[in-house]
C-alpha atoms as a PDB file:
ATOM      1  CA  MET A   1      26.996 -23.150 -14.006  1.00  0.00           C
ATOM      2  CA  THR A   2      24.741 -21.261 -15.748  1.00  0.00           C
ATOM      3  CA  ALA A   3      23.766 -17.553 -14.862  1.00  0.00           C
ATOM      4  CA  ALA A   4      20.441 -18.871 -13.259  1.00  0.00           C
ATOM      5  CA  ASN A   5      22.851 -20.721 -10.697  1.00  0.00           C
ATOM      6  CA  ARG A   6      25.775 -17.851 -10.161  1.00  0.00           C
ATOM      7  CA  LEU A   7      23.243 -15.501  -8.975  1.00  0.00           C
ATOM      8  CA  ILE A   8      21.142 -15.894  -6.217  1.00  0.00           C
ATOM      9  CA  LEU A   9      20.453 -12.271  -5.637  1.00  0.00           C
ATOM     10  CA  GLY A  10      16.689 -11.930  -4.797  1.00  0.00           C
ATOM     11  CA  ARG A  11      16.368 -15.733  -3.696  1.00  0.00           C
ATOM     12  CA  PHE A  12      15.117 -16.882  -0.336  1.00  0.00           C
ATOM     13  CA  VAL A  13      16.113 -19.543   0.979  1.00  0.00           C
ATOM     14  CA  ALA A  14      14.331 -21.651   3.868  1.00  0.00           C
ATOM     15  CA  VAL A  15      17.263 -22.720   5.826  1.00  0.00           C
ATOM     16  CA  ASP A  16      17.058 -22.232   9.879  1.00  0.00           C
ATOM     17  CA  SER A  17      19.925 -20.589  10.805  1.00  0.00           C
ATOM     18  CA  PRO A  18      21.133 -17.800  13.340  1.00  0.00           C
ATOM     19  CA  LEU A  19      20.766 -15.246  10.639  1.00  0.00           C
ATOM     20  CA  ALA A  20      17.368 -15.807   9.248  1.00  0.00           C
ATOM     21  CA  ARG A  21      15.528 -16.147  13.294  1.00  0.00           C
ATOM     22  CA  LEU A  22      16.941 -12.335  13.282  1.00  0.00           C
ATOM     23  CA  ASP A  23      14.158  -9.576  13.007  1.00  0.00           C
ATOM     24  CA  PRO A  24      14.393  -8.547   9.148  1.00  0.00           C
ATOM     25  CA  ARG A  25      14.328  -5.085  10.928  1.00  0.00           C
ATOM     26  CA  THR A  26      17.845  -5.804  12.197  1.00  0.00           C
ATOM     27  CA  LYS A  27      19.085  -7.140   9.650  1.00  0.00           C
ATOM     28  CA  ILE A  28      17.863  -3.825   7.111  1.00  0.00           C
ATOM     29  CA  ALA A  29      19.536  -1.660   9.630  1.00  0.00           C
ATOM     30  CA  ALA A  30      23.021  -3.603   9.864  1.00  0.00           C
ATOM     31  CA  VAL A  31      23.012  -3.473   6.041  1.00  0.00           C
ATOM     32  CA  ALA A  32      22.593  -0.031   6.271  1.00  0.00           C
ATOM     33  CA  LEU A  33      25.177   0.443   8.695  1.00  0.00           C
ATOM     34  CA  ALA A  34      27.554  -1.278   6.875  1.00  0.00           C
ATOM     35  CA  LEU A  35      26.808   0.371   3.260  1.00  0.00           C
ATOM     36  CA  GLY A  36      27.241   3.775   4.931  1.00  0.00           C
ATOM     37  CA  ALA A  37      30.733   3.100   6.395  1.00  0.00           C
ATOM     38  CA  LEU A  38      31.383   1.670   2.825  1.00  0.00           C
ATOM     39  CA  VAL A  39      30.953   5.002   1.306  1.00  0.00           C
ATOM     40  CA  VAL A  40      33.891   6.726   3.010  1.00  0.00           C
ATOM     41  CA  CYS A  41      36.143   3.646   2.019  1.00  0.00           C
ATOM     42  CA  ARG A  42      39.356   4.602  -0.108  1.00  0.00           C
ATOM     43  CA  SER A  43      41.890   1.397   0.893  1.00  0.00           C
ATOM     44  CA  ALA A  44      41.807  -2.375   1.700  1.00  0.00           C
ATOM     45  CA  PRO A  45      42.448  -1.868   5.576  1.00  0.00           C
ATOM     46  CA  ALA A  46      39.213   0.564   5.903  1.00  0.00           C
ATOM     47  CA  PHE A  47      37.457  -2.658   4.294  1.00  0.00           C
ATOM     48  CA  LEU A  48      38.411  -4.699   7.097  1.00  0.00           C
ATOM     49  CA  PRO A  49      36.010  -4.336   9.618  1.00  0.00           C
ATOM     50  CA  VAL A  50      32.935  -4.476   7.176  1.00  0.00           C
ATOM     51  CA  ALA A  51      34.625  -7.622   5.038  1.00  0.00           C
ATOM     52  CA  ALA A  52      34.804  -9.221   8.948  1.00  0.00           C
ATOM     53  CA  LEU A  53      31.018  -8.783   9.111  1.00  0.00           C
ATOM     54  CA  PHE A  54      30.066  -9.668   6.115  1.00  0.00           C
ATOM     55  CA  VAL A  55      32.618 -13.067   6.833  1.00  0.00           C
ATOM     56  CA  VAL A  56      30.423 -13.722  10.608  1.00  0.00           C
ATOM     57  CA  ALA A  57      26.922 -13.114   8.765  1.00  0.00           C
ATOM     58  CA  ALA A  58      27.858 -15.185   6.084  1.00  0.00           C
ATOM     59  CA  ARG A  59      28.478 -18.338   8.476  1.00  0.00           C
ATOM     60  CA  ALA A  60      25.620 -17.586  10.219  1.00  0.00           C
ATOM     61  CA  SER A  61      23.283 -17.639   7.344  1.00  0.00           C
ATOM     62  CA  ARG A  62      24.328 -21.377   6.717  1.00  0.00           C
ATOM     63  CA  LEU A  63      24.490 -20.604   2.890  1.00  0.00           C
ATOM     64  CA  PRO A  64      26.738 -22.388   0.435  1.00  0.00           C
ATOM     65  CA  LEU A  65      29.814 -20.192   0.547  1.00  0.00           C
ATOM     66  CA  SER A  66      29.896 -21.528  -3.111  1.00  0.00           C
ATOM     67  CA  HIS A  67      26.674 -20.210  -4.020  1.00  0.00           C
ATOM     68  CA  LEU A  68      28.026 -16.629  -2.456  1.00  0.00           C
ATOM     69  CA  ALA A  69      31.250 -17.267  -4.433  1.00  0.00           C
ATOM     70  CA  SER A  70      29.088 -18.091  -7.401  1.00  0.00           C
ATOM     71  CA  THR A  71      27.257 -14.399  -6.837  1.00  0.00           C
ATOM     72  CA  ALA A  72      30.198 -12.372  -6.809  1.00  0.00           C
ATOM     73  CA  GLN A  73      31.888 -14.367 -10.022  1.00  0.00           C
ATOM     74  CA  GLY A  74      28.020 -13.398 -11.586  1.00  0.00           C
ATOM     75  CA  LEU A  75      28.804 -10.039 -10.978  1.00  0.00           C
ATOM     76  CA  GLY A  76      32.233  -9.836 -12.663  1.00  0.00           C
ATOM     77  CA  TRP A  77      31.557  -7.830 -15.651  1.00  0.00           C
ATOM     78  CA  LEU A  78      29.414  -5.377 -13.279  1.00  0.00           C
ATOM     79  CA  LEU A  79      32.773  -5.136 -11.335  1.00  0.00           C
ATOM     80  CA  LEU A  80      35.247  -4.808 -14.332  1.00  0.00           C
ATOM     81  CA  ILE A  81      33.103  -2.453 -16.010  1.00  0.00           C
ATOM     82  CA  THR A  82      32.602  -0.241 -12.847  1.00  0.00           C
ATOM     83  CA  PHE A  83      36.828  -0.582 -12.590  1.00  0.00           C
ATOM     84  CA  ALA A  84      37.435   0.195 -15.919  1.00  0.00           C
ATOM     85  CA  PHE A  85      35.280   3.402 -15.944  1.00  0.00           C
ATOM     86  CA  GLN A  86      37.287   4.837 -12.979  1.00  0.00           C
ATOM     87  CA  VAL A  87      40.399   4.078 -14.088  1.00  0.00           C
ATOM     88  CA  ALA A  88      39.656   5.491 -17.630  1.00  0.00           C
ATOM     89  CA  PHE A  89      37.627   8.732 -16.979  1.00  0.00           C
ATOM     90  CA  LEU A  90      38.429   9.550 -13.250  1.00  0.00           C
ATOM     91  CA  PRO A  91      42.392  10.064 -13.457  1.00  0.00           C
ATOM     92  CA  GLY A  92      42.606  12.011 -11.051  1.00  0.00           C
ATOM     93  CA  ALA A  93      45.631  14.680 -10.595  1.00  0.00           C
ATOM     94  CA  ALA A  94      48.865  12.767  -9.782  1.00  0.00           C
ATOM     95  CA  GLU A  95      51.247  11.950 -12.346  1.00  0.00           C
ATOM     96  CA  PRO A  96      50.608   8.811 -14.305  1.00  0.00           C
ATOM     97  CA  ILE A  97      51.869   5.340 -13.894  1.00  0.00           C
ATOM     98  CA  ALA A  98      51.073   4.620 -17.481  1.00  0.00           C
ATOM     99  CA  ARG A  99      49.257   5.162 -20.564  1.00  0.00           C
ATOM    100  CA  LEU A 100      47.124   3.405 -22.896  1.00  0.00           C
ATOM    101  CA  GLY A 101      46.162   5.631 -26.208  1.00  0.00           C
ATOM    102  CA  PRO A 102      45.380   8.675 -24.928  1.00  0.00           C
ATOM    103  CA  LEU A 103      44.526   7.473 -21.668  1.00  0.00           C
ATOM    104  CA  ALA A 104      46.421   8.051 -18.350  1.00  0.00           C
ATOM    105  CA  VAL A 105      46.182   5.652 -15.616  1.00  0.00           C
ATOM    106  CA  THR A 106      47.383   6.600 -12.097  1.00  0.00           C
ATOM    107  CA  GLU A 107      47.815   4.871  -9.077  1.00  0.00           C
ATOM    108  CA  GLU A 108      45.137   7.425  -7.169  1.00  0.00           C
ATOM    109  CA  ALA A 109      42.471   6.027  -9.910  1.00  0.00           C
ATOM    110  CA  LEU A 110      43.369   2.310  -9.641  1.00  0.00           C
ATOM    111  CA  ALA A 111      43.261   2.674  -5.631  1.00  0.00           C
ATOM    112  CA  ARG A 112      39.590   4.581  -6.325  1.00  0.00           C
ATOM    113  CA  GLY A 113      38.864   1.839  -8.500  1.00  0.00           C
ATOM    114  CA  LEU A 114      39.716  -0.777  -6.232  1.00  0.00           C
ATOM    115  CA  ALA A 115      37.832   0.446  -3.589  1.00  0.00           C
ATOM    116  CA  LEU A 116      34.545   1.509  -5.076  1.00  0.00           C
ATOM    117  CA  SER A 117      34.452  -2.371  -6.568  1.00  0.00           C
ATOM    118  CA  ALA A 118      35.276  -3.488  -3.498  1.00  0.00           C
ATOM    119  CA  SER A 119      32.499  -1.675  -1.892  1.00  0.00           C
ATOM    120  CA  LEU A 120      30.077  -2.456  -4.774  1.00  0.00           C
ATOM    121  CA  LEU A 121      30.913  -6.078  -4.543  1.00  0.00           C
ATOM    122  CA  LEU A 122      30.238  -5.877  -0.738  1.00  0.00           C
ATOM    123  CA  SER A 123      26.911  -4.517  -1.143  1.00  0.00           C
ATOM    124  CA  LEU A 124      25.458  -6.602  -3.194  1.00  0.00           C
ATOM    125  CA  LEU A 125      26.570  -9.692  -1.226  1.00  0.00           C
ATOM    126  CA  PHE A 126      24.939  -8.230   2.157  1.00  0.00           C
ATOM    127  CA  ALA A 127      22.150  -7.582  -0.092  1.00  0.00           C
ATOM    128  CA  THR A 128      21.864 -11.153  -0.946  1.00  0.00           C
ATOM    129  CA  LEU A 129      22.500 -12.302   2.502  1.00  0.00           C
ATOM    130  CA  VAL A 130      19.528 -10.166   3.332  1.00  0.00           C
ATOM    131  CA  THR A 131      17.271 -11.230   0.525  1.00  0.00           C
ATOM    132  CA  ALA A 132      18.119 -15.032   0.892  1.00  0.00           C
ATOM    133  CA  THR A 133      17.570 -15.318   4.880  1.00  0.00           C
ATOM    134  CA  THR A 134      14.203 -13.536   4.310  1.00  0.00           C
ATOM    135  CA  SER A 135      10.796 -14.095   3.557  1.00  0.00           C
ATOM    136  CA  PRO A 136       9.399 -11.933   0.656  1.00  0.00           C
ATOM    137  CA  VAL A 137       6.437 -11.159   3.242  1.00  0.00           C
ATOM    138  CA  ASP A 138       8.885 -10.459   6.182  1.00  0.00           C
ATOM    139  CA  LEU A 139      10.794  -8.207   3.756  1.00  0.00           C
ATOM    140  CA  ALA A 140       8.064  -6.085   2.972  1.00  0.00           C
ATOM    141  CA  ASP A 141       6.831  -5.939   6.757  1.00  0.00           C
ATOM    142  CA  ALA A 142      10.075  -4.832   8.098  1.00  0.00           C
ATOM    143  CA  LEU A 143      10.736  -2.161   4.887  1.00  0.00           C
ATOM    144  CA  ALA A 144       7.023  -1.069   5.965  1.00  0.00           C
ATOM    145  CA  ALA A 145       7.604  -0.855   9.465  1.00  0.00           C
ATOM    146  CA  THR A 146      11.065   0.883   8.880  1.00  0.00           C
ATOM    147  CA  ALA A 147       9.946   3.660   7.150  1.00  0.00           C
ATOM    148  CA  ARG A 148       6.408   4.132   9.140  1.00  0.00           C
ATOM    149  CA  PRO A 149       7.043   7.492  10.389  1.00  0.00           C
ATOM    150  CA  LEU A 150       6.666   8.558   6.300  1.00  0.00           C
ATOM    151  CA  ARG A 151       2.807   8.247   6.654  1.00  0.00           C
ATOM    152  CA  ARG A 152       2.713  11.353   8.255  1.00  0.00           C
ATOM    153  CA  VAL A 153       3.394  12.992   5.356  1.00  0.00           C
ATOM    154  CA  ARG A 154       1.159  11.021   3.200  1.00  0.00           C
ATOM    155  CA  VAL A 155       3.809   8.598   1.655  1.00  0.00           C
ATOM    156  CA  PRO A 156       2.543   5.323   0.815  1.00  0.00           C
ATOM    157  CA  VAL A 157       4.753   2.973   2.998  1.00  0.00           C
ATOM    158  CA  GLU A 158       3.073  -0.277   2.649  1.00  0.00           C
ATOM    159  CA  ASP A 159       2.240   0.148  -1.293  1.00  0.00           C
ATOM    160  CA  LEU A 160       6.374   0.925  -1.796  1.00  0.00           C
ATOM    161  CA  ALA A 161       7.328  -1.456   0.116  1.00  0.00           C
ATOM    162  CA  LEU A 162       5.963  -4.207  -1.642  1.00  0.00           C
ATOM    163  CA  VAL A 163       6.676  -2.980  -5.016  1.00  0.00           C
ATOM    164  CA  ALA A 164      10.464  -2.740  -3.846  1.00  0.00           C
ATOM    165  CA  THR A 165      10.225  -6.055  -2.451  1.00  0.00           C
ATOM    166  CA  ILE A 166       8.305  -7.462  -6.003  1.00  0.00           C
ATOM    167  CA  ALA A 167      11.305  -5.992  -8.165  1.00  0.00           C
ATOM    168  CA  LEU A 168      14.016  -7.408  -5.644  1.00  0.00           C
ATOM    169  CA  ARG A 169      12.264 -10.951  -6.426  1.00  0.00           C
ATOM    170  CA  PHE A 170      11.944 -10.566  -9.921  1.00  0.00           C
ATOM    171  CA  VAL A 171      15.793 -10.024 -10.675  1.00  0.00           C
ATOM    172  CA  PRO A 172      16.283 -14.095  -9.848  1.00  0.00           C
ATOM    173  CA  THR A 173      12.892 -14.658 -11.827  1.00  0.00           C
ATOM    174  CA  LEU A 174      14.229 -12.665 -15.118  1.00  0.00           C
ATOM    175  CA  VAL A 175      17.705 -14.659 -14.868  1.00  0.00           C
ATOM    176  CA  ASP A 176      15.864 -17.770 -14.694  1.00  0.00           C
ATOM    177  CA  GLU A 177      13.644 -16.715 -17.651  1.00  0.00           C
ATOM    178  CA  ALA A 178      16.925 -15.264 -19.807  1.00  0.00           C
ATOM    179  CA  GLU A 179      18.607 -18.169 -18.986  1.00  0.00           C
ATOM    180  CA  ARG A 180      15.845 -20.724 -20.552  1.00  0.00           C
ATOM    181  CA  ILE A 181      15.381 -18.550 -23.502  1.00  0.00           C
ATOM    182  CA  ARG A 182      18.887 -19.040 -24.429  1.00  0.00           C
ATOM    183  CA  ARG A 183      18.743 -22.578 -24.302  1.00  0.00           C
ATOM    184  CA  ALA A 184      15.552 -22.514 -26.238  1.00  0.00           C
ATOM    185  CA  GLN A 185      17.760 -20.946 -28.719  1.00  0.00           C
ATOM    186  CA  VAL A 186      20.788 -22.737 -28.582  1.00  0.00           C
ATOM    187  CA  ALA A 187      18.805 -25.598 -29.306  1.00  0.00           C
ATOM    188  CA  ARG A 188      16.921 -23.961 -32.346  1.00  0.00           C
ATOM    189  CA  GLY A 189      20.652 -23.626 -33.433  1.00  0.00           C
ATOM    190  CA  LEU A 190      21.916 -20.563 -32.590  1.00  0.00           C
ATOM    191  CA  ARG A 191      25.432 -20.167 -31.617  1.00  0.00           C
ATOM    192  CA  PRO A 192      26.887 -17.664 -30.321  1.00  0.00           C
ATOM    193  CA  GLY A 193      30.161 -16.035 -31.684  1.00  0.00           C
ATOM    194  CA  ARG A 194      33.875 -16.204 -29.442  1.00  0.00           C
ATOM    195  CA  GLY A 195      34.918 -12.528 -28.175  1.00  0.00           C
ATOM    196  CA  PRO A 196      33.035  -9.610 -26.665  1.00  0.00           C
ATOM    197  CA  LEU A 197      31.601  -7.929 -29.571  1.00  0.00           C
ATOM    198  CA  ALA A 198      29.663 -11.283 -30.233  1.00  0.00           C
ATOM    199  CA  ARG A 199      28.954 -12.296 -26.682  1.00  0.00           C
ATOM    200  CA  ALA A 200      26.960  -8.735 -27.081  1.00  0.00           C
ATOM    201  CA  ARG A 201      25.216  -9.520 -30.204  1.00  0.00           C
ATOM    202  CA  SER A 202      24.139 -12.492 -29.028  1.00  0.00           C
ATOM    203  CA  LEU A 203      22.224 -10.900 -26.078  1.00  0.00           C
ATOM    204  CA  LEU A 204      20.193  -8.854 -28.539  1.00  0.00           C
ATOM    205  CA  PRO A 205      17.611 -12.132 -29.597  1.00  0.00           C
ATOM    206  CA  LEU A 206      17.418 -12.470 -25.787  1.00  0.00           C
ATOM    207  CA  LEU A 207      15.734  -8.988 -25.295  1.00  0.00           C
ATOM    208  CA  VAL A 208      12.689  -9.086 -26.948  1.00  0.00           C
ATOM    209  CA  PRO A 209      10.998 -12.592 -25.219  1.00  0.00           C
ATOM    210  CA  LEU A 210      12.476 -11.594 -22.007  1.00  0.00           C
ATOM    211  CA  VAL A 211      10.995  -7.872 -22.070  1.00  0.00           C
ATOM    212  CA  GLU A 212       7.576 -10.156 -23.322  1.00  0.00           C
ATOM    213  CA  GLY A 213       7.652 -12.335 -20.384  1.00  0.00           C
ATOM    214  CA  ALA A 214       8.537  -9.809 -18.131  1.00  0.00           C
ATOM    215  CA  PHE A 215       5.715  -7.704 -19.418  1.00  0.00           C
ATOM    216  CA  ARG A 216       3.187 -11.015 -19.229  1.00  0.00           C
ATOM    217  CA  LYS A 217       4.432 -11.662 -15.594  1.00  0.00           C
ATOM    218  CA  ALA A 218       3.876  -8.402 -14.402  1.00  0.00           C
ATOM    219  CA  GLU A 219       0.129  -8.544 -15.734  1.00  0.00           C
ATOM    220  CA  GLU A 220      -0.334 -11.984 -14.216  1.00  0.00           C
ATOM    221  CA  LEU A 221       0.741 -10.510 -10.922  1.00  0.00           C
ATOM    222  CA  ALA A 222      -1.927  -7.619 -11.239  1.00  0.00           C
ATOM    223  CA  VAL A 223      -4.567 -10.131 -11.595  1.00  0.00           C
ATOM    224  CA  ALA A 224      -3.351 -12.540  -8.941  1.00  0.00           C
ATOM    225  CA  LEU A 225      -3.117  -9.165  -6.510  1.00  0.00           C
ATOM    226  CA  GLU A 226      -6.379  -7.609  -7.274  1.00  0.00           C
ATOM    227  CA  ALA A 227      -8.010 -11.660  -7.328  1.00  0.00           C
ATOM    228  CA  ARG A 228      -6.863 -11.666  -3.745  1.00  0.00           C
ATOM    229  CA  GLY A 229      -8.566  -8.220  -2.829  1.00  0.00           C
ATOM    230  CA  TYR A 230      -5.647  -6.255  -2.571  1.00  0.00           C
ATOM    231  CA  GLU A 231      -6.237  -2.333  -2.610  1.00  0.00           C
ATOM    232  CA  PRO A 232      -3.604   0.527  -3.042  1.00  0.00           C
ATOM    233  CA  GLY A 233      -3.786   2.718   0.247  1.00  0.00           C
ATOM    234  CA  ALA A 234      -5.782   0.146   1.976  1.00  0.00           C
ATOM    235  CA  PRO A 235      -4.322  -0.252   5.594  1.00  0.00           C
ATOM    236  CA  ARG A 236      -3.550  -3.780   6.397  1.00  0.00           C
ATOM    237  CA  VAL A 237      -1.802  -5.724   9.021  1.00  0.00           C
ATOM    238  CA  SER A 238       0.278  -8.413   9.258  1.00  0.00           C
ATOM    239  CA  TYR A 239      -0.148 -11.708   9.946  1.00  0.00           C
ATOM    240  CA  VAL A 240       3.348 -12.294  11.967  1.00  0.00           C
ATOM    241  CA  GLU A 241       4.271  -9.570  14.461  1.00  0.00           C
ATOM    242  CA  LEU A 242       8.196  -8.240  14.645  1.00  0.00           C
ATOM    243  CA  ARG A 243       9.654  -8.549  17.781  1.00  0.00           C
ATOM    244  CA  PHE A 244      13.374  -7.414  18.376  1.00  0.00           C
ATOM    245  CA  ARG A 245      14.734  -9.605  20.773  1.00  0.00           C
ATOM    246  CA  ALA A 246      18.438 -10.076  22.713  1.00  0.00           C
ATOM    247  CA  ARG A 247      20.237 -11.604  19.870  1.00  0.00           C
ATOM    248  CA  ASP A 248      19.253  -8.462  17.583  1.00  0.00           C
ATOM    249  CA  ALA A 249      20.569  -6.153  19.795  1.00  0.00           C
ATOM    250  CA  VAL A 250      23.724  -8.239  19.972  1.00  0.00           C
ATOM    251  CA  ALA A 251      23.811  -8.040  16.053  1.00  0.00           C
ATOM    252  CA  LEU A 252      23.117  -5.202  15.409  1.00  0.00           C
ATOM    253  CA  GLY A 253      25.631  -3.836  17.972  1.00  0.00           C
ATOM    254  CA  ALA A 254      28.287  -5.677  16.050  1.00  0.00           C
ATOM    255  CA  ALA A 255      27.328  -4.025  12.948  1.00  0.00           C
ATOM    256  CA  ALA A 256      27.200  -0.637  14.275  1.00  0.00           C
ATOM    257  CA  LEU A 257      31.076  -1.812  16.051  1.00  0.00           C
ATOM    258  CA  ALA A 258      32.060  -2.710  12.633  1.00  0.00           C
ATOM    259  CA  ALA A 259      30.884   0.223  10.816  1.00  0.00           C
ATOM    260  CA  VAL A 260      32.034   2.718  13.593  1.00  0.00           C
ATOM    261  CA  ALA A 261      35.828   0.668  12.865  1.00  0.00           C
ATOM    262  CA  THR A 262      35.587   1.159   9.247  1.00  0.00           C
ATOM    263  CA  VAL A 263      35.028   4.868   9.554  1.00  0.00           C
ATOM    264  CA  VAL A 264      37.974   5.886  11.948  1.00  0.00           C
ATOM    265  CA  LEU A 265      40.425   3.856  10.006  1.00  0.00           C
ATOM    266  CA  ALA A 266      39.161   5.314   6.643  1.00  0.00           C
ATOM    267  CA  LEU A 267      39.308   9.153   8.056  1.00  0.00           C
ATOM    268  CA  ALA A 268      42.617   8.599  10.027  1.00  0.00           C
ATOM    269  CA  GLU A 269      44.164   7.277   6.733  1.00  0.00           C
ATOM    270  CA  ARG A 270      42.971  10.560   5.081  1.00  0.00           C
ATOM    271  CA  ALA A 271      44.492  12.667   7.804  1.00  0.00           C
ATOM    272  CA  GLY A 272      47.860  10.743   7.872  1.00  0.00           C
END
């Protein structure tokens, strides 16, 4: 499976599902509650409520579970680097249980590394669910509506929401472009070597055409926005009116309950 197929963060999948029918503001608020609760997690039991919330949301999204598993697999290197950094450079004050040359590995560092990696994985998976079940237009409208109070201090809310949505949607676009370039280079005889260092060197020929393609797509997007009459700072209205319904209240209540349970478990473990 290619990297493009592994990573679905930022891709919108037009599937009718209970999660897709929720108000996008509800999904953003629920994810914010879950991510806030993950900050205090330090052990496996504290993760259980938020993890259960993710399982329920994944089932309600009707997305193939293989896609979500592939997303986690595509983020494996990021999680591994995060874990290794925590273990190697932040060992804590406990007695080391192992030594790797000058590096001391402690039980505290292992627990902290696992907790941070799990938090990062759940955060990215929640973000994947939101972007996969929410159209770009609805996501931009929801972000603008959520940050609307900032208008009083002259913050360009709509413009920032549009920029954030476009940046998020560029992630799968750049992944697809990198995969296309890699295949073209392999077809022309490029053979990446074996081992982490050789694979890292093989990524260098991708950088120049990838950056060039990113600038080209950004310029095309700017021309398209200008051709459609986009004017920064101009007042705009949305074609679709966002509505908070009973199902949104249930979903938000479930997210709040999972977040509270996570915080209570984390605090109880620290107190004990």
